[in-house]
PDB file of N, CA and C in Angstrom:
ATOM      1  N   MET A   1       0.851  -1.170   0.000  1.00  0.00           N
ATOM      2  CA  MET A   1       0.000   0.000   0.000  1.00  0.00           C
ATOM      3  C   MET A   1       0.902   1.240   0.000  1.00  0.00           C
ATOM      4  N   ASN A   2       0.614   2.169  -0.888  1.00  0.00           N
ATOM      5  CA  ASN A   2       1.372   3.418  -0.906  1.00  0.00           C
ATOM      6  C   ASN A   2       0.596   4.509  -0.158  1.00  0.00           C
ATOM      7  N   GLY A   3       1.205   5.686  -0.067  1.00  0.00           N
ATOM      8  CA  GLY A   3       0.603   6.777   0.691  1.00  0.00           C
ATOM      9  C   GLY A   3      -0.766   7.183   0.189  1.00  0.00           C
ATOM     10  N   ASN A   4      -0.930   7.257  -1.135  1.00  0.00           N
ATOM     11  CA  ASN A   4      -2.234   7.653  -1.685  1.00  0.00           C
ATOM     12  C   ASN A   4      -3.308   6.615  -1.383  1.00  0.00           C
ATOM     13  N   GLU A   5      -2.946   5.334  -1.477  1.00  0.00           N
ATOM     14  CA  GLU A   5      -3.910   4.281  -1.165  1.00  0.00           C
ATOM     15  C   GLU A   5      -4.305   4.339   0.316  1.00  0.00           C
ATOM     16  N   TYR A   6      -3.321   4.577   1.150  1.00  0.00           N
ATOM     17  CA  TYR A   6      -3.590   4.673   2.595  1.00  0.00           C
ATOM     18  C   TYR A   6      -4.546   5.819   2.893  1.00  0.00           C
ATOM     19  N   ARG A   7      -4.264   7.000   2.319  1.00  0.00           N
ATOM     20  CA  ARG A   7      -5.117   8.161   2.579  1.00  0.00           C
ATOM     21  C   ARG A   7      -6.501   8.012   1.957  1.00  0.00           C
ATOM     22  N   SER A   8      -6.639   7.143   0.977  1.00  0.00           N
ATOM     23  CA  SER A   8      -7.944   6.916   0.344  1.00  0.00           C
ATOM     24  C   SER A   8      -8.797   5.908   1.104  1.00  0.00           C
ATOM     25  N   ASP A   9      -8.180   5.164   1.999  1.00  0.00           N
ATOM     26  CA  ASP A   9      -8.904   4.155   2.774  1.00  0.00           C
ATOM     27  C   ASP A   9     -10.035   4.820   3.558  1.00  0.00           C
ATOM     28  N   LEU A  10     -11.213   4.209   3.537  1.00  0.00           N
ATOM     29  CA  LEU A  10     -12.388   4.787   4.182  1.00  0.00           C
ATOM     30  C   LEU A  10     -12.169   5.003   5.683  1.00  0.00           C
ATOM     31  N   SER A  11     -11.534   4.061   6.360  1.00  0.00           N
ATOM     32  CA  SER A  11     -11.290   4.206   7.804  1.00  0.00           C
ATOM     33  C   SER A  11     -10.337   5.363   8.084  1.00  0.00           C
ATOM     34  N   VAL A  12      -9.308   5.512   7.263  1.00  0.00           N
ATOM     35  CA  VAL A  12      -8.346   6.601   7.441  1.00  0.00           C
ATOM     36  C   VAL A  12      -9.029   7.933   7.177  1.00  0.00           C
ATOM     37  N   ARG A  13      -9.805   8.010   6.109  1.00  0.00           N
ATOM     38  CA  ARG A  13     -10.514   9.260   5.785  1.00  0.00           C
ATOM     39  C   ARG A  13     -11.488   9.628   6.901  1.00  0.00           C
ATOM     40  N   SER A  14     -12.164   8.635   7.442  1.00  0.00           N
ATOM     41  CA  SER A  14     -13.096   8.883   8.535  1.00  0.00           C
ATOM     42  C   SER A  14     -12.357   9.409   9.767  1.00  0.00           C
ATOM     43  N   PHE A  15     -11.237   8.787  10.101  1.00  0.00           N
ATOM     44  CA  PHE A  15     -10.447   9.247  11.250  1.00  0.00           C
ATOM     45  C   PHE A  15      -9.947  10.664  11.026  1.00  0.00           C
ATOM     46  N   LEU A  16      -9.437  10.961   9.835  1.00  0.00           N
ATOM     47  CA  LEU A  16      -8.926  12.304   9.553  1.00  0.00           C
ATOM     48  C   LEU A  16     -10.026  13.357   9.669  1.00  0.00           C
ATOM     49  N   GLY A  17     -11.236  13.023   9.224  1.00  0.00           N
ATOM     50  CA  GLY A  17     -12.355  13.953   9.373  1.00  0.00           C
ATOM     51  C   GLY A  17     -12.681  14.198  10.837  1.00  0.00           C
ATOM     52  N   TRP A  18     -12.640  13.133  11.636  1.00  0.00           N
ATOM     53  CA  TRP A  18     -12.909  13.250  13.070  1.00  0.00           C
ATOM     54  C   TRP A  18     -11.848  14.095  13.762  1.00  0.00           C
ATOM     55  N   VAL A  19     -10.568  13.813  13.494  1.00  0.00           N
ATOM     56  CA  VAL A  19      -9.489  14.534  14.171  1.00  0.00           C
ATOM     57  C   VAL A  19      -9.399  15.984  13.681  1.00  0.00           C
ATOM     58  N   GLU A  20      -9.766  16.232  12.436  1.00  0.00           N
ATOM     59  CA  GLU A  20      -9.767  17.610  11.918  1.00  0.00           C
ATOM     60  C   GLU A  20     -10.710  18.492  12.730  1.00  0.00           C
ATOM     61  N   LEU A  21     -11.872  17.946  13.078  1.00  0.00           N
ATOM     62  CA  LEU A  21     -12.821  18.705  13.888  1.00  0.00           C
ATOM     63  C   LEU A  21     -12.272  18.975  15.286  1.00  0.00           C
ATOM     64  N   LEU A  22     -11.511  18.017  15.844  1.00  0.00           N
ATOM     65  CA  LEU A  22     -10.887  18.232  17.152  1.00  0.00           C
ATOM     66  C   LEU A  22      -9.827  19.319  17.070  1.00  0.00           C
ATOM     67  N   LEU A  23      -9.006  19.257  16.029  1.00  0.00           N
ATOM     68  CA  LEU A  23      -7.915  20.223  15.893  1.00  0.00           C
ATOM     69  C   LEU A  23      -8.420  21.628  15.612  1.00  0.00           C
ATOM     70  N   SER A  24      -9.502  21.740  14.880  1.00  0.00           N
ATOM     71  CA  SER A  24     -10.035  23.065  14.553  1.00  0.00           C
ATOM     72  C   SER A  24     -10.813  23.672  15.719  1.00  0.00           C
ATOM     73  N   GLY A  25     -11.198  22.837  16.674  1.00  0.00           N
ATOM     74  CA  GLY A  25     -12.013  23.322  17.783  1.00  0.00           C
ATOM     75  C   GLY A  25     -13.498  23.230  17.493  1.00  0.00           C
ATOM     76  N   ASP A  26     -13.870  22.732  16.299  1.00  0.00           N
ATOM     77  CA  ASP A  26     -15.281  22.596  15.947  1.00  0.00           C
ATOM     78  C   ASP A  26     -15.942  21.406  16.645  1.00  0.00           C
ATOM     79  N   ARG A  27     -15.150  20.513  17.174  1.00  0.00           N
ATOM     80  CA  ARG A  27     -15.669  19.394  17.953  1.00  0.00           C
ATOM     81  C   ARG A  27     -15.148  19.570  19.377  1.00  0.00           C
ATOM     82  N   PRO A  28     -16.033  19.575  20.359  1.00  0.00           N
ATOM     83  CA  PRO A  28     -15.577  19.776  21.739  1.00  0.00           C
ATOM     84  C   PRO A  28     -14.605  18.682  22.182  1.00  0.00           C
ATOM     85  N   PHE A  29     -13.703  19.087  23.004  1.00  0.00           N
ATOM     86  CA  PHE A  29     -12.736  18.161  23.584  1.00  0.00           C
ATOM     87  C   PHE A  29     -12.731  18.416  25.084  1.00  0.00           C
ATOM     88  N   ALA A  30     -13.874  18.246  25.692  1.00  0.00           N
ATOM     89  CA  ALA A  30     -13.984  18.516  27.118  1.00  0.00           C
ATOM     90  C   ALA A  30     -13.248  17.417  27.873  1.00  0.00           C
ATOM     91  N   HIS A  31     -12.233  17.830  28.573  1.00  0.00           N
ATOM     92  CA  HIS A  31     -11.424  16.889  29.347  1.00  0.00           C
ATOM     93  C   HIS A  31     -11.083  17.546  30.676  1.00  0.00           C
ATOM     94  N   ALA A  32     -11.293  16.827  31.750  1.00  0.00           N
ATOM     95  CA  ALA A  32     -11.020  17.397  33.071  1.00  0.00           C
ATOM     96  C   ALA A  32     -10.473  16.320  33.983  1.00  0.00           C
ATOM     97  N   TRP A  33      -9.642  16.732  34.908  1.00  0.00           N
ATOM     98  CA  TRP A  33      -9.152  15.854  35.951  1.00  0.00           C
ATOM     99  C   TRP A  33      -8.594  16.686  37.085  1.00  0.00           C
ATOM    100  N   ILE A  34      -8.377  16.026  38.201  1.00  0.00           N
ATOM    101  CA  ILE A  34      -7.800  16.707  39.361  1.00  0.00           C
ATOM    102  C   ILE A  34      -6.450  16.083  39.658  1.00  0.00           C
ATOM    103  N   SER A  35      -5.436  16.903  39.616  1.00  0.00           N
ATOM    104  CA  SER A  35      -4.081  16.474  39.946  1.00  0.00           C
ATOM    105  C   SER A  35      -3.854  16.680  41.436  1.00  0.00           C
ATOM    106  N   PRO A  36      -3.398  15.650  42.132  1.00  0.00           N
ATOM    107  CA  PRO A  36      -3.131  15.823  43.555  1.00  0.00           C
ATOM    108  C   PRO A  36      -2.074  16.901  43.815  1.00  0.00           C
ATOM    109  N   ARG A  37      -1.226  17.107  42.845  1.00  0.00           N
ATOM    110  CA  ARG A  37      -0.122  18.058  43.007  1.00  0.00           C
ATOM    111  C   ARG A  37      -0.468  19.472  42.547  1.00  0.00           C
ATOM    112  N   HIS A  38      -1.279  19.576  41.475  1.00  0.00           N
ATOM    113  CA  HIS A  38      -1.496  20.883  40.851  1.00  0.00           C
ATOM    114  C   HIS A  38      -2.947  21.355  40.822  1.00  0.00           C
ATOM    115  N   GLY A  39      -3.870  20.559  41.348  1.00  0.00           N
ATOM    116  CA  GLY A  39      -5.258  20.993  41.381  1.00  0.00           C
ATOM    117  C   GLY A  39      -6.061  20.563  40.164  1.00  0.00           C
ATOM    118  N   ALA A  40      -7.157  21.264  39.917  1.00  0.00           N
ATOM    119  CA  ALA A  40      -8.098  20.899  38.858  1.00  0.00           C
ATOM    120  C   ALA A  40      -7.666  21.453  37.506  1.00  0.00           C
ATOM    121  N   PHE A  41      -7.900  20.655  36.475  1.00  0.00           N
ATOM    122  CA  PHE A  41      -7.631  21.049  35.095  1.00  0.00           C
ATOM    123  C   PHE A  41      -8.860  20.771  34.260  1.00  0.00           C
ATOM    124  N   ARG A  42      -9.127  21.658  33.319  1.00  0.00           N
ATOM    125  CA  ARG A  42     -10.230  21.451  32.379  1.00  0.00           C
ATOM    126  C   ARG A  42      -9.844  22.082  31.055  1.00  0.00           C
ATOM    127  N   TYR A  43      -9.996  21.309  29.986  1.00  0.00           N
ATOM    128  CA  TYR A  43      -9.692  21.781  28.634  1.00  0.00           C
ATOM    129  C   TYR A  43     -10.927  21.609  27.766  1.00  0.00           C
ATOM    130  N   GLU A  44     -11.181  22.600  26.946  1.00  0.00           N
ATOM    131  CA  GLU A  44     -12.339  22.557  26.051  1.00  0.00           C
ATOM    132  C   GLU A  44     -11.966  22.155  24.628  1.00  0.00           C
ATOM    133  N   THR A  45     -10.718  22.395  24.231  1.00  0.00           N
ATOM    134  CA  THR A  45     -10.244  22.044  22.887  1.00  0.00           C
ATOM    135  C   THR A  45      -8.823  21.503  23.008  1.00  0.00           C
ATOM    136  N   LEU A  46      -8.351  20.838  21.953  1.00  0.00           N
ATOM    137  CA  LEU A  46      -6.957  20.386  21.943  1.00  0.00           C
ATOM    138  C   LEU A  46      -6.012  21.576  21.986  1.00  0.00           C
ATOM    139  N   PHE A  47      -6.364  22.655  21.300  1.00  0.00           N
ATOM    140  CA  PHE A  47      -5.501  23.833  21.324  1.00  0.00           C
ATOM    141  C   PHE A  47      -5.436  24.415  22.733  1.00  0.00           C
ATOM    142  N   ASN A  48      -6.549  24.394  23.439  1.00  0.00           N
ATOM    143  CA  ASN A  48      -6.574  24.865  24.819  1.00  0.00           C
ATOM    144  C   ASN A  48      -5.642  24.013  25.690  1.00  0.00           C
ATOM    145  N   ALA A  49      -5.622  22.703  25.456  1.00  0.00           N
ATOM    146  CA  ALA A  49      -4.705  21.821  26.194  1.00  0.00           C
ATOM    147  C   ALA A  49      -3.253  22.170  25.852  1.00  0.00           C
ATOM    148  N   TYR A  50      -2.975  22.433  24.592  1.00  0.00           N
ATOM    149  CA  TYR A  50      -1.627  22.845  24.177  1.00  0.00           C
ATOM    150  C   TYR A  50      -1.218  24.155  24.867  1.00  0.00           C
ATOM    151  N   GLU A  51      -2.131  25.113  24.875  1.00  0.00           N
ATOM    152  CA  GLU A  51      -1.821  26.409  25.491  1.00  0.00           C
ATOM    153  C   GLU A  51      -1.477  26.272  26.977  1.00  0.00           C
ATOM    154  N   ARG A  52      -2.125  25.332  27.638  1.00  0.00           N
ATOM    155  CA  ARG A  52      -1.943  25.192  29.080  1.00  0.00           C
ATOM    156  C   ARG A  52      -0.981  24.059  29.453  1.00  0.00           C
ATOM    157  N   TYR A  53      -0.311  23.494  28.465  1.00  0.00           N
ATOM    158  CA  TYR A  53       0.623  22.394  28.689  1.00  0.00           C
ATOM    159  C   TYR A  53       1.686  22.796  29.704  1.00  0.00           C
ATOM    160  N   ARG A  54       1.930  21.945  30.653  1.00  0.00           N
ATOM    161  CA  ARG A  54       3.008  22.135  31.624  1.00  0.00           C
ATOM    162  C   ARG A  54       3.582  20.776  31.981  1.00  0.00           C
ATOM    163  N   TRP A  55       4.869  20.626  31.804  1.00  0.00           N
ATOM    164  CA  TRP A  55       5.575  19.426  32.225  1.00  0.00           C
ATOM    165  C   TRP A  55       6.888  19.890  32.806  1.00  0.00           C
ATOM    166  N   SER A  56       6.932  20.048  34.110  1.00  0.00           N
ATOM    167  CA  SER A  56       8.148  20.519  34.758  1.00  0.00           C
ATOM    168  C   SER A  56       9.225  19.459  34.637  1.00  0.00           C
ATOM    169  N   PHE A  57      10.389  19.880  34.156  1.00  0.00           N
ATOM    170  CA  PHE A  57      11.468  18.916  33.987  1.00  0.00           C
ATOM    171  C   PHE A  57      12.813  19.541  34.315  1.00  0.00           C
ATOM    172  N   ARG A  58      13.725  18.672  34.662  1.00  0.00           N
ATOM    173  CA  ARG A  58      15.142  18.977  34.835  1.00  0.00           C
ATOM    174  C   ARG A  58      15.867  17.831  34.155  1.00  0.00           C
ATOM    175  N   VAL A  59      16.754  18.158  33.238  1.00  0.00           N
ATOM    176  CA  VAL A  59      17.462  17.101  32.525  1.00  0.00           C
ATOM    177  C   VAL A  59      18.868  17.569  32.176  1.00  0.00           C
ATOM    178  N   ARG A  60      19.792  16.672  32.300  1.00  0.00           N
ATOM    179  CA  ARG A  60      21.162  16.948  31.864  1.00  0.00           C
ATOM    180  C   ARG A  60      21.328  16.313  30.483  1.00  0.00           C
ATOM    181  N   ILE A  61      21.442  17.132  29.477  1.00  0.00           N
ATOM    182  CA  ILE A  61      21.638  16.668  28.111  1.00  0.00           C
ATOM    183  C   ILE A  61      23.064  16.115  28.014  1.00  0.00           C
ATOM    184  N   PRO A  62      23.239  14.915  27.434  1.00  0.00           N
ATOM    185  CA  PRO A  62      24.595  14.383  27.301  1.00  0.00           C
ATOM    186  C   PRO A  62      25.525  15.401  26.633  1.00  0.00           C
ATOM    187  N   GLY A  63      26.652  15.653  27.277  1.00  0.00           N
ATOM    188  CA  GLY A  63      27.617  16.620  26.777  1.00  0.00           C
ATOM    189  C   GLY A  63      27.490  17.998  27.386  1.00  0.00           C
ATOM    190  N   ASP A  64      26.342  18.301  28.007  1.00  0.00           N
ATOM    191  CA  ASP A  64      26.146  19.599  28.655  1.00  0.00           C
ATOM    192  C   ASP A  64      26.658  19.545  30.094  1.00  0.00           C
ATOM    193  N   ILE A  65      27.106  20.679  30.593  1.00  0.00           N
ATOM    194  CA  ILE A  65      27.614  20.756  31.959  1.00  0.00           C
ATOM    195  C   ILE A  65      26.489  21.003  32.960  1.00  0.00           C
ATOM    196  N   VAL A  66      25.537  21.834  32.582  1.00  0.00           N
ATOM    197  CA  VAL A  66      24.450  22.191  33.502  1.00  0.00           C
ATOM    198  C   VAL A  66      23.148  21.527  33.066  1.00  0.00           C
ATOM    199  N   GLN A  67      22.221  21.416  34.008  1.00  0.00           N
ATOM    200  CA  GLN A  67      20.902  20.874  33.701  1.00  0.00           C
ATOM    201  C   GLN A  67      20.079  21.888  32.935  1.00  0.00           C
ATOM    202  N   THR A  68      19.236  21.392  32.070  1.00  0.00           N
ATOM    203  CA  THR A  68      18.245  22.211  31.392  1.00  0.00           C
ATOM    204  C   THR A  68      16.946  22.075  32.177  1.00  0.00           C
ATOM    205  N   VAL A  69      16.300  23.201  32.446  1.00  0.00           N
ATOM    206  CA  VAL A  69      15.085  23.227  33.251  1.00  0.00           C
ATOM    207  C   VAL A  69      13.992  23.911  32.442  1.00  0.00           C
ATOM    208  N   GLY A  70      12.776  23.407  32.543  1.00  0.00           N
ATOM    209  CA  GLY A  70      11.668  24.049  31.857  1.00  0.00           C
ATOM    210  C   GLY A  70      10.344  23.426  32.230  1.00  0.00           C
ATOM    211  N   SER A  71       9.281  23.923  31.602  1.00  0.00           N
ATOM    212  CA  SER A  71       7.955  23.344  31.834  1.00  0.00           C
ATOM    213  C   SER A  71       7.005  23.569  30.658  1.00  0.00           C
ATOM    214  N   ALA A  72       7.280  24.522  29.798  1.00  0.00           N
ATOM    215  CA  ALA A  72       6.367  24.834  28.697  1.00  0.00           C
ATOM    216  C   ALA A  72       6.555  23.866  27.532  1.00  0.00           C
ATOM    217  N   PHE A  73       5.555  23.781  26.679  1.00  0.00           N
ATOM    218  CA  PHE A  73       5.612  22.905  25.517  1.00  0.00           C
ATOM    219  C   PHE A  73       6.838  23.218  24.661  1.00  0.00           C
ATOM    220  N   ALA A  74       7.076  24.497  24.382  1.00  0.00           N
ATOM    221  CA  ALA A  74       8.202  24.884  23.518  1.00  0.00           C
ATOM    222  C   ALA A  74       9.538  24.456  24.130  1.00  0.00           C
ATOM    223  N   GLU A  75       9.661  24.531  25.441  1.00  0.00           N
ATOM    224  CA  GLU A  75      10.893  24.113  26.106  1.00  0.00           C
ATOM    225  C   GLU A  75      11.086  22.600  26.002  1.00  0.00           C
ATOM    226  N   SER A  76      10.018  21.855  26.201  1.00  0.00           N
ATOM    227  CA  SER A  76      10.098  20.405  26.045  1.00  0.00           C
ATOM    228  C   SER A  76      10.422  20.032  24.609  1.00  0.00           C
ATOM    229  N   LEU A  77       9.835  20.744  23.660  1.00  0.00           N
ATOM    230  CA  LEU A  77      10.080  20.461  22.253  1.00  0.00           C
ATOM    231  C   LEU A  77      11.558  20.617  21.908  1.00  0.00           C
ATOM    232  N   VAL A  78      12.184  21.680  22.384  1.00  0.00           N
ATOM    233  CA  VAL A  78      13.605  21.913  22.119  1.00  0.00           C
ATOM    234  C   VAL A  78      14.443  20.782  22.714  1.00  0.00           C
ATOM    235  N   VAL A  79      14.164  20.428  23.960  1.00  0.00           N
ATOM    236  CA  VAL A  79      14.924  19.375  24.635  1.00  0.00           C
ATOM    237  C   VAL A  79      14.736  18.037  23.923  1.00  0.00           C
ATOM    238  N   LEU A  80      13.488  17.678  23.633  1.00  0.00           N
ATOM    239  CA  LEU A  80      13.225  16.377  23.024  1.00  0.00           C
ATOM    240  C   LEU A  80      13.742  16.304  21.593  1.00  0.00           C
ATOM    241  N   ASP A  81      13.706  17.405  20.849  1.00  0.00           N
ATOM    242  CA  ASP A  81      14.317  17.419  19.512  1.00  0.00           C
ATOM    243  C   ASP A  81      15.820  17.192  19.609  1.00  0.00           C
ATOM    244  N   GLY A  82      16.457  17.828  20.602  1.00  0.00           N
ATOM    245  CA  GLY A  82      17.894  17.631  20.798  1.00  0.00           C
ATOM    246  C   GLY A  82      18.221  16.198  21.174  1.00  0.00           C
ATOM    247  N   LEU A  83      17.423  15.620  22.041  1.00  0.00           N
ATOM    248  CA  LEU A  83      17.648  14.234  22.440  1.00  0.00           C
ATOM    249  C   LEU A  83      17.400  13.277  21.279  1.00  0.00           C
ATOM    250  N   ARG A  84      16.432  13.589  20.450  1.00  0.00           N
ATOM    251  CA  ARG A  84      16.200  12.766  19.258  1.00  0.00           C
ATOM    252  C   ARG A  84      17.439  12.760  18.378  1.00  0.00           C
ATOM    253  N   GLY A  85      18.053  13.925  18.202  1.00  0.00           N
ATOM    254  CA  GLY A  85      19.282  14.009  17.408  1.00  0.00           C
ATOM    255  C   GLY A  85      20.409  13.199  18.020  1.00  0.00           C
ATOM    256  N   ILE A  86      20.545  13.254  19.334  1.00  0.00           N
ATOM    257  CA  ILE A  86      21.576  12.470  20.020  1.00  0.00           C
ATOM    258  C   ILE A  86      21.334  10.980  19.821  1.00  0.00           C
ATOM    259  N   LEU A  87      20.088  10.549  19.991  1.00  0.00           N
ATOM    260  CA  LEU A  87      19.761   9.133  19.843  1.00  0.00           C
ATOM    261  C   LEU A  87      19.963   8.657  18.408  1.00  0.00           C
ATOM    262  N   ARG A  88      19.533   9.441  17.451  1.00  0.00           N
ATOM    263  CA  ARG A  88      19.711   9.044  16.045  1.00  0.00           C
ATOM    264  C   ARG A  88      21.189   8.974  15.682  1.00  0.00           C
ATOM    265  N   GLY A  89      21.955   9.975  16.123  1.00  0.00           N
ATOM    266  CA  GLY A  89      23.385   9.977  15.837  1.00  0.00           C
ATOM    267  C   GLY A  89      24.089   8.787  16.461  1.00  0.00           C
ATOM    268  N   ALA A  90      23.748   8.481  17.706  1.00  0.00           N
ATOM    269  CA  ALA A  90      24.360   7.339  18.381  1.00  0.00           C
ATOM    270  C   ALA A  90      23.966   6.030  17.706  1.00  0.00           C
ATOM    271  N   ALA A  91      22.724   5.912  17.299  1.00  0.00           N
ATOM    272  CA  ALA A  91      22.270   4.688  16.635  1.00  0.00           C
ATOM    273  C   ALA A  91      22.990   4.508  15.300  1.00  0.00           C
ATOM    274  N   GLN A  92      23.102   5.578  14.535  1.00  0.00           N
ATOM    275  CA  GLN A  92      23.788   5.491  13.235  1.00  0.00           C
ATOM    276  C   GLN A  92      25.260   5.146  13.392  1.00  0.00           C
ATOM    277  N   ALA A  93      25.885   5.651  14.461  1.00  0.00           N
ATOM    278  CA  ALA A  93      27.304   5.399  14.705  1.00  0.00           C
ATOM    279  C   ALA A  93      27.522   4.101  15.486  1.00  0.00           C
ATOM    280  N   LEU A  94      26.448   3.395  15.805  1.00  0.00           N
ATOM    281  CA  LEU A  94      26.522   2.180  16.619  1.00  0.00           C
ATOM    282  C   LEU A  94      27.234   2.454  17.937  1.00  0.00           C
ATOM    283  N   ASN A  95      26.954   3.626  18.506  1.00  0.00           N
ATOM    284  CA  ASN A  95      27.552   4.083  19.755  1.00  0.00           C
ATOM    285  C   ASN A  95      26.607   3.718  20.900  1.00  0.00           C
ATOM    286  N   THR A  96      26.801   2.539  21.468  1.00  0.00           N
ATOM    287  CA  THR A  96      25.913   2.056  22.518  1.00  0.00           C
ATOM    288  C   THR A  96      25.920   2.979  23.726  1.00  0.00           C
ATOM    289  N   ALA A  97      27.099   3.391  24.172  1.00  0.00           N
ATOM    290  CA  ALA A  97      27.187   4.261  25.347  1.00  0.00           C
ATOM    291  C   ALA A  97      26.464   5.583  25.101  1.00  0.00           C
ATOM    292  N   GLY A  98      26.618   6.149  23.920  1.00  0.00           N
ATOM    293  CA  GLY A  98      25.931   7.394  23.585  1.00  0.00           C
ATOM    294  C   GLY A  98      24.428   7.209  23.522  1.00  0.00           C
ATOM    295  N   PHE A  99      23.997   6.051  23.010  1.00  0.00           N
ATOM    296  CA  PHE A  99      22.565   5.779  22.926  1.00  0.00           C
ATOM    297  C   PHE A  99      21.969   5.614  24.328  1.00  0.00           C
ATOM    298  N   VAL A 100      22.672   4.896  25.189  1.00  0.00           N
ATOM    299  CA  VAL A 100      22.190   4.726  26.565  1.00  0.00           C
ATOM    300  C   VAL A 100      22.151   6.072  27.272  1.00  0.00           C
ATOM    301  N   ALA A 101      23.183   6.906  27.083  1.00  0.00           N
ATOM    302  CA  ALA A 101      23.200   8.235  27.719  1.00  0.00           C
ATOM    303  C   ALA A 101      22.013   9.078  27.250  1.00  0.00           C
ATOM    304  N   GLY A 102      21.708   9.034  25.950  1.00  0.00           N
ATOM    305  CA  GLY A 102      20.555   9.773  25.434  1.00  0.00           C
ATOM    306  C   GLY A 102      19.251   9.242  25.966  1.00  0.00           C
ATOM    307  N   THR A 103      19.140   7.931  26.069  1.00  0.00           N
ATOM    308  CA  THR A 103      17.924   7.322  26.596  1.00  0.00           C
ATOM    309  C   THR A 103      17.738   7.652  28.072  1.00  0.00           C
ATOM    310  N   LEU A 104      18.823   7.639  28.827  1.00  0.00           N
ATOM    311  CA  LEU A 104      18.736   8.021  30.237  1.00  0.00           C
ATOM    312  C   LEU A 104      18.275   9.465  30.382  1.00  0.00           C
ATOM    313  N   ALA A 105      18.707  10.330  29.473  1.00  0.00           N
ATOM    314  CA  ALA A 105      18.263  11.722  29.513  1.00  0.00           C
ATOM    315  C   ALA A 105      16.768  11.825  29.229  1.00  0.00           C
ATOM    316  N   VAL A 106      16.261  10.998  28.320  1.00  0.00           N
ATOM    317  CA  VAL A 106      14.815  10.989  28.064  1.00  0.00           C
ATOM    318  C   VAL A 106      14.070  10.553  29.324  1.00  0.00           C
ATOM    319  N   LEU A 107      14.570   9.530  29.987  1.00  0.00           N
ATOM    320  CA  LEU A 107      13.944   9.084  31.231  1.00  0.00           C
ATOM    321  C   LEU A 107      13.988  10.180  32.283  1.00  0.00           C
ATOM    322  N   GLU A 108      15.112  10.888  32.355  1.00  0.00           N
ATOM    323  CA  GLU A 108      15.232  11.987  33.316  1.00  0.00           C
ATOM    324  C   GLU A 108      14.229  13.086  32.997  1.00  0.00           C
ATOM    325  N   TRP A 109      14.090  13.448  31.711  1.00  0.00           N
ATOM    326  CA  TRP A 109      13.100  14.444  31.301  1.00  0.00           C
ATOM    327  C   TRP A 109      11.703  13.991  31.738  1.00  0.00           C
ATOM    328  N   GLY A 110      11.402  12.709  31.578  1.00  0.00           N
ATOM    329  CA  GLY A 110      10.074  12.200  31.904  1.00  0.00           C
ATOM    330  C   GLY A 110       9.837  11.956  33.373  1.00  0.00           C
ATOM    331  N   GLY A 111      10.888  12.100  34.185  1.00  0.00           N
ATOM    332  CA  GLY A 111      10.724  11.918  35.614  1.00  0.00           C
ATOM    333  C   GLY A 111      10.660  10.469  36.056  1.00  0.00           C
ATOM    334  N   VAL A 112      11.170   9.551  35.226  1.00  0.00           N
ATOM    335  CA  VAL A 112      11.115   8.124  35.568  1.00  0.00           C
ATOM    336  C   VAL A 112      12.500   7.496  35.615  1.00  0.00           C
ATOM    337  N   MET A 113      13.523   8.328  35.764  1.00  0.00           N
ATOM    338  CA  MET A 113      14.893   7.840  35.776  1.00  0.00           C
ATOM    339  C   MET A 113      15.125   6.828  36.890  1.00  0.00           C
ATOM    340  N   SER A 114      14.685   7.121  38.097  1.00  0.00           N
ATOM    341  CA  SER A 114      14.988   6.254  39.232  1.00  0.00           C
ATOM    342  C   SER A 114      14.367   4.870  39.078  1.00  0.00           C
ATOM    343  N   LYS A 115      13.254   4.794  38.397  1.00  0.00           N
ATOM    344  CA  LYS A 115      12.567   3.513  38.253  1.00  0.00           C
ATOM    345  C   LYS A 115      13.171   2.641  37.161  1.00  0.00           C
ATOM    346  N   ASN A 116      13.809   3.222  36.185  1.00  0.00           N
ATOM    347  CA  ASN A 116      14.203   2.471  35.003  1.00  0.00           C
ATOM    348  C   ASN A 116      15.678   2.510  34.655  1.00  0.00           C
ATOM    349  N   ALA A 117      16.455   3.334  35.297  1.00  0.00           N
ATOM    350  CA  ALA A 117      17.850   3.537  34.888  1.00  0.00           C
ATOM    351  C   ALA A 117      18.670   2.258  34.989  1.00  0.00           C
ATOM    352  N   GLU A 118      18.566   1.545  36.082  1.00  0.00           N
ATOM    353  CA  GLU A 118      19.379   0.329  36.247  1.00  0.00           C
ATOM    354  C   GLU A 118      18.993  -0.739  35.231  1.00  0.00           C
ATOM    355  N   TRP A 119      17.687  -0.883  35.011  1.00  0.00           N
ATOM    356  CA  TRP A 119      17.222  -1.844  34.012  1.00  0.00           C
ATOM    357  C   TRP A 119      17.789  -1.497  32.637  1.00  0.00           C
ATOM    358  N   LEU A 120      17.754  -0.221  32.288  1.00  0.00           N
ATOM    359  CA  LEU A 120      18.250   0.209  30.989  1.00  0.00           C
ATOM    360  C   LEU A 120      19.757  -0.018  30.862  1.00  0.00           C
ATOM    361  N   LYS A 121      20.492   0.314  31.871  1.00  0.00           N
ATOM    362  CA  LYS A 121      21.947   0.145  31.830  1.00  0.00           C
ATOM    363  C   LYS A 121      22.344  -1.313  31.647  1.00  0.00           C
ATOM    364  N   SER A 122      21.576  -2.210  32.266  1.00  0.00           N
ATOM    365  CA  SER A 122      21.910  -3.632  32.143  1.00  0.00           C
ATOM    366  C   SER A 122      21.547  -4.150  30.760  1.00  0.00           C
TER     367      SER A 122
END
């Protein structure tokens, strides 16, 4: 199946029509929850969720001396794009240590380093 055949598939076209309405805000995306740490959240559209995105992180990028700190979507995007480059470069160079270091940084960004670091290293 090529790209045109895939996009012509009835199920794919139906999904794209559904998600287009979510992205445009023409279809409600009412989502709410209560975070024990940060209180109540409620979003009416996907764009509203993007605007209010917060993921507090501290991560040491392999090769950097200081930690990178942030919480906004744009800050996470910069960090994760950089880590993607590190991981791709290490994979292409068959650099296992570099790949593990990049993966550990992703875990650190996600706040799950302590739970998974030893498993990953082994």
